[in-house]
Amino acid sequence: MRAWVAWVTICFAGTVATGVAAAKSPGSVAENTAQVMLPTGNPFPQGAGSDLANAHCLICHSAGMVMRQPPLTFDDWKAEVTKMRAVYGAPLPPESIEEIARYLVTINGKP
């Protein structure tokens, strides 16, 4: 399987994260820009809810990392997804929590 990579351009108003001083003309976007490569991994397996998992879960971790977790019940997955939203700030609409939990049970769950 092929790993996908997303390129993100980050503009800095002052000093670049590596400690290199910003360009002499602070208003110049080209001189105050850095590119960062973010690994996104492979998408989740197809199924009802995979679109939500791909859109919201791959922001922080790979599908493989999720699928390597111990199989969880629906209630356990729901608690995990709720924690990702409440504690870690996953940009997930609250009405999608149960749908993602149901999907995760189908790919890595137990009765």
N, C-alpha and C. Protein backbone atom coordinates (compact mmCIF):
# COMPACT_ATOMS: atom_id res chain seq x y z
N MET A 1 0.83 -1.17 0.00
CA MET A 1 0.00 0.00 0.00
C MET A 1 0.88 1.24 0.00
N ARG A 2 0.38 2.29 -0.56
CA ARG A 2 1.15 3.52 -0.70
C ARG A 2 0.76 4.53 0.37
N ALA A 3 1.74 5.11 1.01
CA ALA A 3 1.48 6.16 2.00
C ALA A 3 1.31 7.49 1.29
N TRP A 4 0.32 8.24 1.68
CA TRP A 4 0.06 9.54 1.07
C TRP A 4 0.65 10.62 1.95
N VAL A 5 1.07 11.69 1.34
CA VAL A 5 1.69 12.79 2.06
C VAL A 5 0.98 14.07 1.70
N ALA A 6 0.68 14.88 2.69
CA ALA A 6 0.07 16.18 2.46
C ALA A 6 1.14 17.25 2.66
N TRP A 7 1.16 18.24 1.80
CA TRP A 7 2.08 19.36 1.93
C TRP A 7 1.31 20.53 2.49
N VAL A 8 1.85 21.15 3.48
CA VAL A 8 1.23 22.31 4.11
C VAL A 8 2.22 23.45 4.07
N THR A 9 1.74 24.61 3.68
CA THR A 9 2.59 25.80 3.70
C THR A 9 2.24 26.60 4.94
N ILE A 10 3.26 26.92 5.70
CA ILE A 10 3.07 27.68 6.93
C ILE A 10 3.79 29.02 6.78
N CYS A 11 3.08 30.09 7.04
CA CYS A 11 3.68 31.42 6.97
C CYS A 11 3.98 31.89 8.38
N PHE A 12 5.15 32.48 8.53
CA PHE A 12 5.59 32.98 9.83
C PHE A 12 5.68 34.50 9.78
N ALA A 13 5.24 35.13 10.84
CA ALA A 13 5.32 36.59 10.90
C ALA A 13 6.68 37.03 11.39
N GLY A 14 7.36 36.17 12.11
CA GLY A 14 8.65 36.55 12.68
C GLY A 14 9.70 35.51 12.36
N THR A 15 10.15 34.79 13.37
CA THR A 15 11.23 33.84 13.22
C THR A 15 10.69 32.48 12.78
N VAL A 16 11.40 31.83 11.90
CA VAL A 16 11.04 30.50 11.43
C VAL A 16 11.32 29.52 12.56
N ALA A 17 10.54 28.43 12.62
CA ALA A 17 10.62 27.47 13.73
C ALA A 17 12.02 26.89 13.92
N THR A 18 12.82 26.83 12.87
CA THR A 18 14.16 26.27 12.99
C THR A 18 15.12 27.24 13.66
N GLY A 19 14.67 28.46 13.90
CA GLY A 19 15.52 29.45 14.54
C GLY A 19 16.17 30.38 13.53
N VAL A 20 15.96 30.16 12.26
CA VAL A 20 16.52 31.03 11.23
C VAL A 20 15.74 32.33 11.23
N ALA A 21 16.42 33.44 11.22
CA ALA A 21 15.74 34.73 11.26
C ALA A 21 14.90 34.94 10.01
N ALA A 22 13.79 35.64 10.18
CA ALA A 22 12.91 35.95 9.06
C ALA A 22 13.62 36.87 8.08
N ALA A 23 13.10 36.93 6.88
CA ALA A 23 13.68 37.77 5.84
C ALA A 23 13.65 39.24 6.25
N LYS A 24 14.46 40.05 5.58
CA LYS A 24 14.55 41.48 5.92
C LYS A 24 13.25 42.21 5.63
N SER A 25 12.48 41.74 4.67
CA SER A 25 11.20 42.39 4.38
C SER A 25 10.09 41.52 4.97
N PRO A 26 9.66 41.83 6.20
CA PRO A 26 8.71 40.99 6.91
C PRO A 26 7.38 40.79 6.20
N GLY A 27 7.01 41.65 5.30
CA GLY A 27 5.74 41.50 4.60
C GLY A 27 5.80 40.52 3.45
N SER A 28 6.95 40.03 3.11
CA SER A 28 7.11 39.15 1.96
C SER A 28 6.72 37.73 2.34
N VAL A 29 5.62 37.26 1.77
CA VAL A 29 5.14 35.91 2.06
C VAL A 29 6.14 34.87 1.57
N ALA A 30 6.70 35.05 0.40
CA ALA A 30 7.64 34.08 -0.17
C ALA A 30 8.86 33.89 0.73
N GLU A 31 9.29 34.96 1.38
CA GLU A 31 10.48 34.87 2.22
C GLU A 31 10.16 34.44 3.64
N ASN A 32 8.89 34.41 4.02
CA ASN A 32 8.49 34.00 5.36
C ASN A 32 7.65 32.73 5.31
N THR A 33 7.98 31.84 4.41
CA THR A 33 7.20 30.63 4.21
C THR A 33 8.07 29.40 4.39
N ALA A 34 7.50 28.39 5.02
CA ALA A 34 8.17 27.09 5.16
C ALA A 34 7.18 26.02 4.74
N GLN A 35 7.67 24.93 4.16
CA GLN A 35 6.81 23.82 3.81
C GLN A 35 7.08 22.67 4.77
N VAL A 36 6.01 22.08 5.25
CA VAL A 36 6.10 20.98 6.19
C VAL A 36 5.38 19.79 5.59
N MET A 37 6.01 18.62 5.62
CA MET A 37 5.40 17.41 5.09
C MET A 37 4.70 16.67 6.24
N LEU A 38 3.38 16.46 6.11
CA LEU A 38 2.61 15.76 7.12
C LEU A 38 2.20 14.40 6.59
N PRO A 39 2.58 13.30 7.25
CA PRO A 39 2.14 11.99 6.78
C PRO A 39 0.67 11.80 7.10
N THR A 40 -0.10 11.33 6.15
CA THR A 40 -1.51 11.09 6.39
C THR A 40 -1.84 9.61 6.38
N GLY A 41 -0.92 8.77 5.93
CA GLY A 41 -1.19 7.34 5.94
C GLY A 41 -2.20 6.93 4.90
N ASN A 42 -2.53 5.67 4.93
CA ASN A 42 -3.53 5.13 4.02
C ASN A 42 -4.92 5.39 4.57
N PRO A 43 -5.90 5.48 3.69
CA PRO A 43 -7.26 5.73 4.18
C PRO A 43 -7.82 4.50 4.90
N PHE A 44 -8.89 4.73 5.65
CA PHE A 44 -9.59 3.64 6.32
C PHE A 44 -10.28 2.76 5.28
N PRO A 45 -10.52 1.48 5.61
CA PRO A 45 -11.24 0.59 4.68
C PRO A 45 -12.64 1.13 4.39
N GLN A 46 -13.12 0.90 3.19
CA GLN A 46 -14.45 1.36 2.78
C GLN A 46 -15.52 0.79 3.70
N GLY A 47 -16.54 1.58 3.93
CA GLY A 47 -17.68 1.14 4.73
C GLY A 47 -18.45 2.35 5.22
N ALA A 48 -19.64 2.09 5.76
CA ALA A 48 -20.46 3.17 6.28
C ALA A 48 -19.72 3.85 7.43
N GLY A 49 -19.37 5.10 7.27
CA GLY A 49 -18.64 5.85 8.27
C GLY A 49 -17.18 6.07 7.93
N SER A 50 -16.67 5.39 6.89
CA SER A 50 -15.25 5.56 6.54
C SER A 50 -14.96 6.98 6.07
N ASP A 51 -15.93 7.62 5.43
CA ASP A 51 -15.72 9.00 5.00
C ASP A 51 -15.48 9.92 6.20
N LEU A 52 -16.23 9.73 7.27
CA LEU A 52 -16.02 10.53 8.48
C LEU A 52 -14.68 10.23 9.12
N ALA A 53 -14.33 8.95 9.20
CA ALA A 53 -13.05 8.57 9.80
C ALA A 53 -11.89 9.15 8.97
N ASN A 54 -11.98 9.07 7.65
CA ASN A 54 -10.93 9.61 6.80
C ASN A 54 -10.83 11.13 6.94
N ALA A 55 -11.96 11.80 7.06
CA ALA A 55 -11.95 13.26 7.14
C ALA A 55 -11.50 13.77 8.51
N HIS A 56 -11.80 13.04 9.58
CA HIS A 56 -11.54 13.58 10.91
C HIS A 56 -10.44 12.87 11.69
N CYS A 57 -10.24 11.59 11.46
CA CYS A 57 -9.26 10.84 12.27
C CYS A 57 -7.85 10.91 11.69
N LEU A 58 -7.74 10.95 10.36
CA LEU A 58 -6.42 10.97 9.74
C LEU A 58 -5.68 12.29 9.95
N ILE A 59 -6.36 13.27 10.50
CA ILE A 59 -5.70 14.55 10.81
C ILE A 59 -4.58 14.32 11.81
N CYS A 60 -4.81 13.40 12.75
CA CYS A 60 -3.84 13.19 13.84
C CYS A 60 -3.08 11.87 13.77
N HIS A 61 -3.70 10.83 13.24
CA HIS A 61 -3.02 9.53 13.24
C HIS A 61 -3.47 8.70 12.05
N SER A 62 -2.74 7.63 11.81
CA SER A 62 -3.01 6.77 10.65
C SER A 62 -4.14 5.79 10.92
N ALA A 63 -4.73 5.31 9.84
CA ALA A 63 -5.75 4.27 9.97
C ALA A 63 -5.12 3.01 10.55
N GLY A 64 -3.89 2.71 10.16
CA GLY A 64 -3.20 1.54 10.68
C GLY A 64 -3.04 1.57 12.18
N MET A 65 -2.76 2.74 12.73
CA MET A 65 -2.62 2.86 14.17
C MET A 65 -3.94 2.53 14.86
N VAL A 66 -5.04 2.98 14.30
CA VAL A 66 -6.36 2.70 14.88
C VAL A 66 -6.66 1.21 14.79
N MET A 67 -6.37 0.61 13.65
CA MET A 67 -6.70 -0.80 13.43
C MET A 67 -5.77 -1.75 14.19
N ARG A 68 -4.65 -1.25 14.70
CA ARG A 68 -3.76 -2.08 15.53
C ARG A 68 -4.14 -2.05 17.00
N GLN A 69 -5.14 -1.27 17.37
CA GLN A 69 -5.60 -1.23 18.75
C GLN A 69 -6.35 -2.52 19.07
N PRO A 70 -6.46 -2.87 20.34
CA PRO A 70 -7.26 -4.04 20.70
C PRO A 70 -8.70 -3.83 20.25
N PRO A 71 -9.38 -4.90 19.84
CA PRO A 71 -10.79 -4.76 19.45
C PRO A 71 -11.62 -4.25 20.63
N LEU A 72 -12.46 -3.25 20.36
CA LEU A 72 -13.27 -2.64 21.41
C LEU A 72 -14.75 -2.79 21.11
N THR A 73 -15.56 -2.70 22.14
CA THR A 73 -17.01 -2.71 21.97
C THR A 73 -17.46 -1.34 21.45
N PHE A 74 -18.73 -1.25 21.07
CA PHE A 74 -19.28 0.02 20.61
C PHE A 74 -19.13 1.09 21.69
N ASP A 75 -19.49 0.75 22.93
CA ASP A 75 -19.40 1.73 24.02
C ASP A 75 -17.95 2.19 24.25
N ASP A 76 -17.00 1.24 24.14
CA ASP A 76 -15.59 1.60 24.30
C ASP A 76 -15.11 2.52 23.17
N TRP A 77 -15.49 2.20 21.92
CA TRP A 77 -15.10 3.05 20.79
C TRP A 77 -15.75 4.42 20.91
N LYS A 78 -17.01 4.45 21.35
CA LYS A 78 -17.70 5.73 21.51
C LYS A 78 -16.97 6.59 22.55
N ALA A 79 -16.53 5.96 23.64
CA ALA A 79 -15.78 6.69 24.66
C ALA A 79 -14.45 7.20 24.11
N GLU A 80 -13.78 6.40 23.29
CA GLU A 80 -12.51 6.82 22.69
C GLU A 80 -12.71 8.00 21.74
N VAL A 81 -13.73 7.92 20.89
CA VAL A 81 -13.99 9.00 19.93
C VAL A 81 -14.39 10.27 20.69
N THR A 82 -15.20 10.12 21.73
CA THR A 82 -15.58 11.27 22.55
C THR A 82 -14.35 11.90 23.19
N LYS A 83 -13.44 11.07 23.68
CA LYS A 83 -12.20 11.58 24.28
C LYS A 83 -11.36 12.33 23.24
N MET A 84 -11.26 11.79 22.03
CA MET A 84 -10.49 12.47 20.98
C MET A 84 -11.05 13.87 20.73
N ARG A 85 -12.36 14.00 20.79
CA ARG A 85 -13.00 15.29 20.55
C ARG A 85 -12.85 16.22 21.76
N ALA A 86 -13.17 15.71 22.95
CA ALA A 86 -13.21 16.55 24.15
C ALA A 86 -11.83 16.87 24.71
N VAL A 87 -10.95 15.89 24.73
CA VAL A 87 -9.64 16.07 25.36
C VAL A 87 -8.59 16.57 24.37
N TYR A 88 -8.58 15.98 23.17
CA TYR A 88 -7.53 16.31 22.21
C TYR A 88 -7.96 17.30 21.14
N GLY A 89 -9.22 17.70 21.14
CA GLY A 89 -9.67 18.74 20.22
C GLY A 89 -9.90 18.29 18.79
N ALA A 90 -10.19 17.02 18.59
CA ALA A 90 -10.49 16.55 17.22
C ALA A 90 -11.66 17.36 16.67
N PRO A 91 -11.52 17.89 15.46
CA PRO A 91 -12.59 18.72 14.89
C PRO A 91 -13.72 17.86 14.34
N LEU A 92 -14.41 17.20 15.23
CA LEU A 92 -15.45 16.24 14.87
C LEU A 92 -16.79 16.75 15.38
N PRO A 93 -17.78 16.83 14.51
CA PRO A 93 -19.11 17.25 14.98
C PRO A 93 -19.65 16.23 15.99
N PRO A 94 -20.25 16.69 17.09
CA PRO A 94 -20.73 15.76 18.11
C PRO A 94 -21.75 14.75 17.58
N GLU A 95 -22.52 15.14 16.58
CA GLU A 95 -23.52 14.22 16.03
C GLU A 95 -22.90 13.08 15.21
N SER A 96 -21.59 13.15 14.96
CA SER A 96 -20.89 12.10 14.19
C SER A 96 -20.21 11.05 15.08
N ILE A 97 -20.20 11.27 16.38
CA ILE A 97 -19.48 10.37 17.29
C ILE A 97 -20.00 8.94 17.19
N GLU A 98 -21.31 8.75 17.26
CA GLU A 98 -21.85 7.40 17.22
C GLU A 98 -21.62 6.72 15.88
N GLU A 99 -21.72 7.47 14.78
CA GLU A 99 -21.50 6.87 13.45
C GLU A 99 -20.05 6.39 13.31
N ILE A 100 -19.11 7.19 13.79
CA ILE A 100 -17.71 6.77 13.72
C ILE A 100 -17.48 5.57 14.63
N ALA A 101 -18.07 5.57 15.82
CA ALA A 101 -17.92 4.44 16.74
C ALA A 101 -18.48 3.16 16.11
N ARG A 102 -19.65 3.24 15.46
CA ARG A 102 -20.21 2.07 14.77
C ARG A 102 -19.27 1.58 13.68
N TYR A 103 -18.70 2.52 12.93
CA TYR A 103 -17.76 2.14 11.87
C TYR A 103 -16.53 1.45 12.46
N LEU A 104 -15.98 2.00 13.54
CA LEU A 104 -14.79 1.41 14.14
C LEU A 104 -15.06 0.00 14.67
N VAL A 105 -16.26 -0.25 15.15
CA VAL A 105 -16.63 -1.61 15.57
C VAL A 105 -16.60 -2.56 14.37
N THR A 106 -17.03 -2.07 13.20
CA THR A 106 -17.05 -2.95 12.02
C THR A 106 -15.65 -3.30 11.55
N ILE A 107 -14.69 -2.41 11.73
CA ILE A 107 -13.32 -2.71 11.26
C ILE A 107 -12.43 -3.25 12.35
N ASN A 108 -12.78 -2.98 13.63
CA ASN A 108 -11.93 -3.44 14.73
C ASN A 108 -12.72 -3.46 16.03
N GLY A 109 -13.75 -4.31 16.05
CA GLY A 109 -14.58 -4.33 17.24
C GLY A 109 -14.86 -5.73 17.73
N LYS A 110 -15.46 -5.76 18.90
CA LYS A 110 -15.92 -7.03 19.46
C LYS A 110 -17.34 -6.82 19.95
N PRO A 111 -18.10 -7.90 19.97
CA PRO A 111 -19.51 -7.78 20.39
C PRO A 111 -19.67 -7.33 21.82
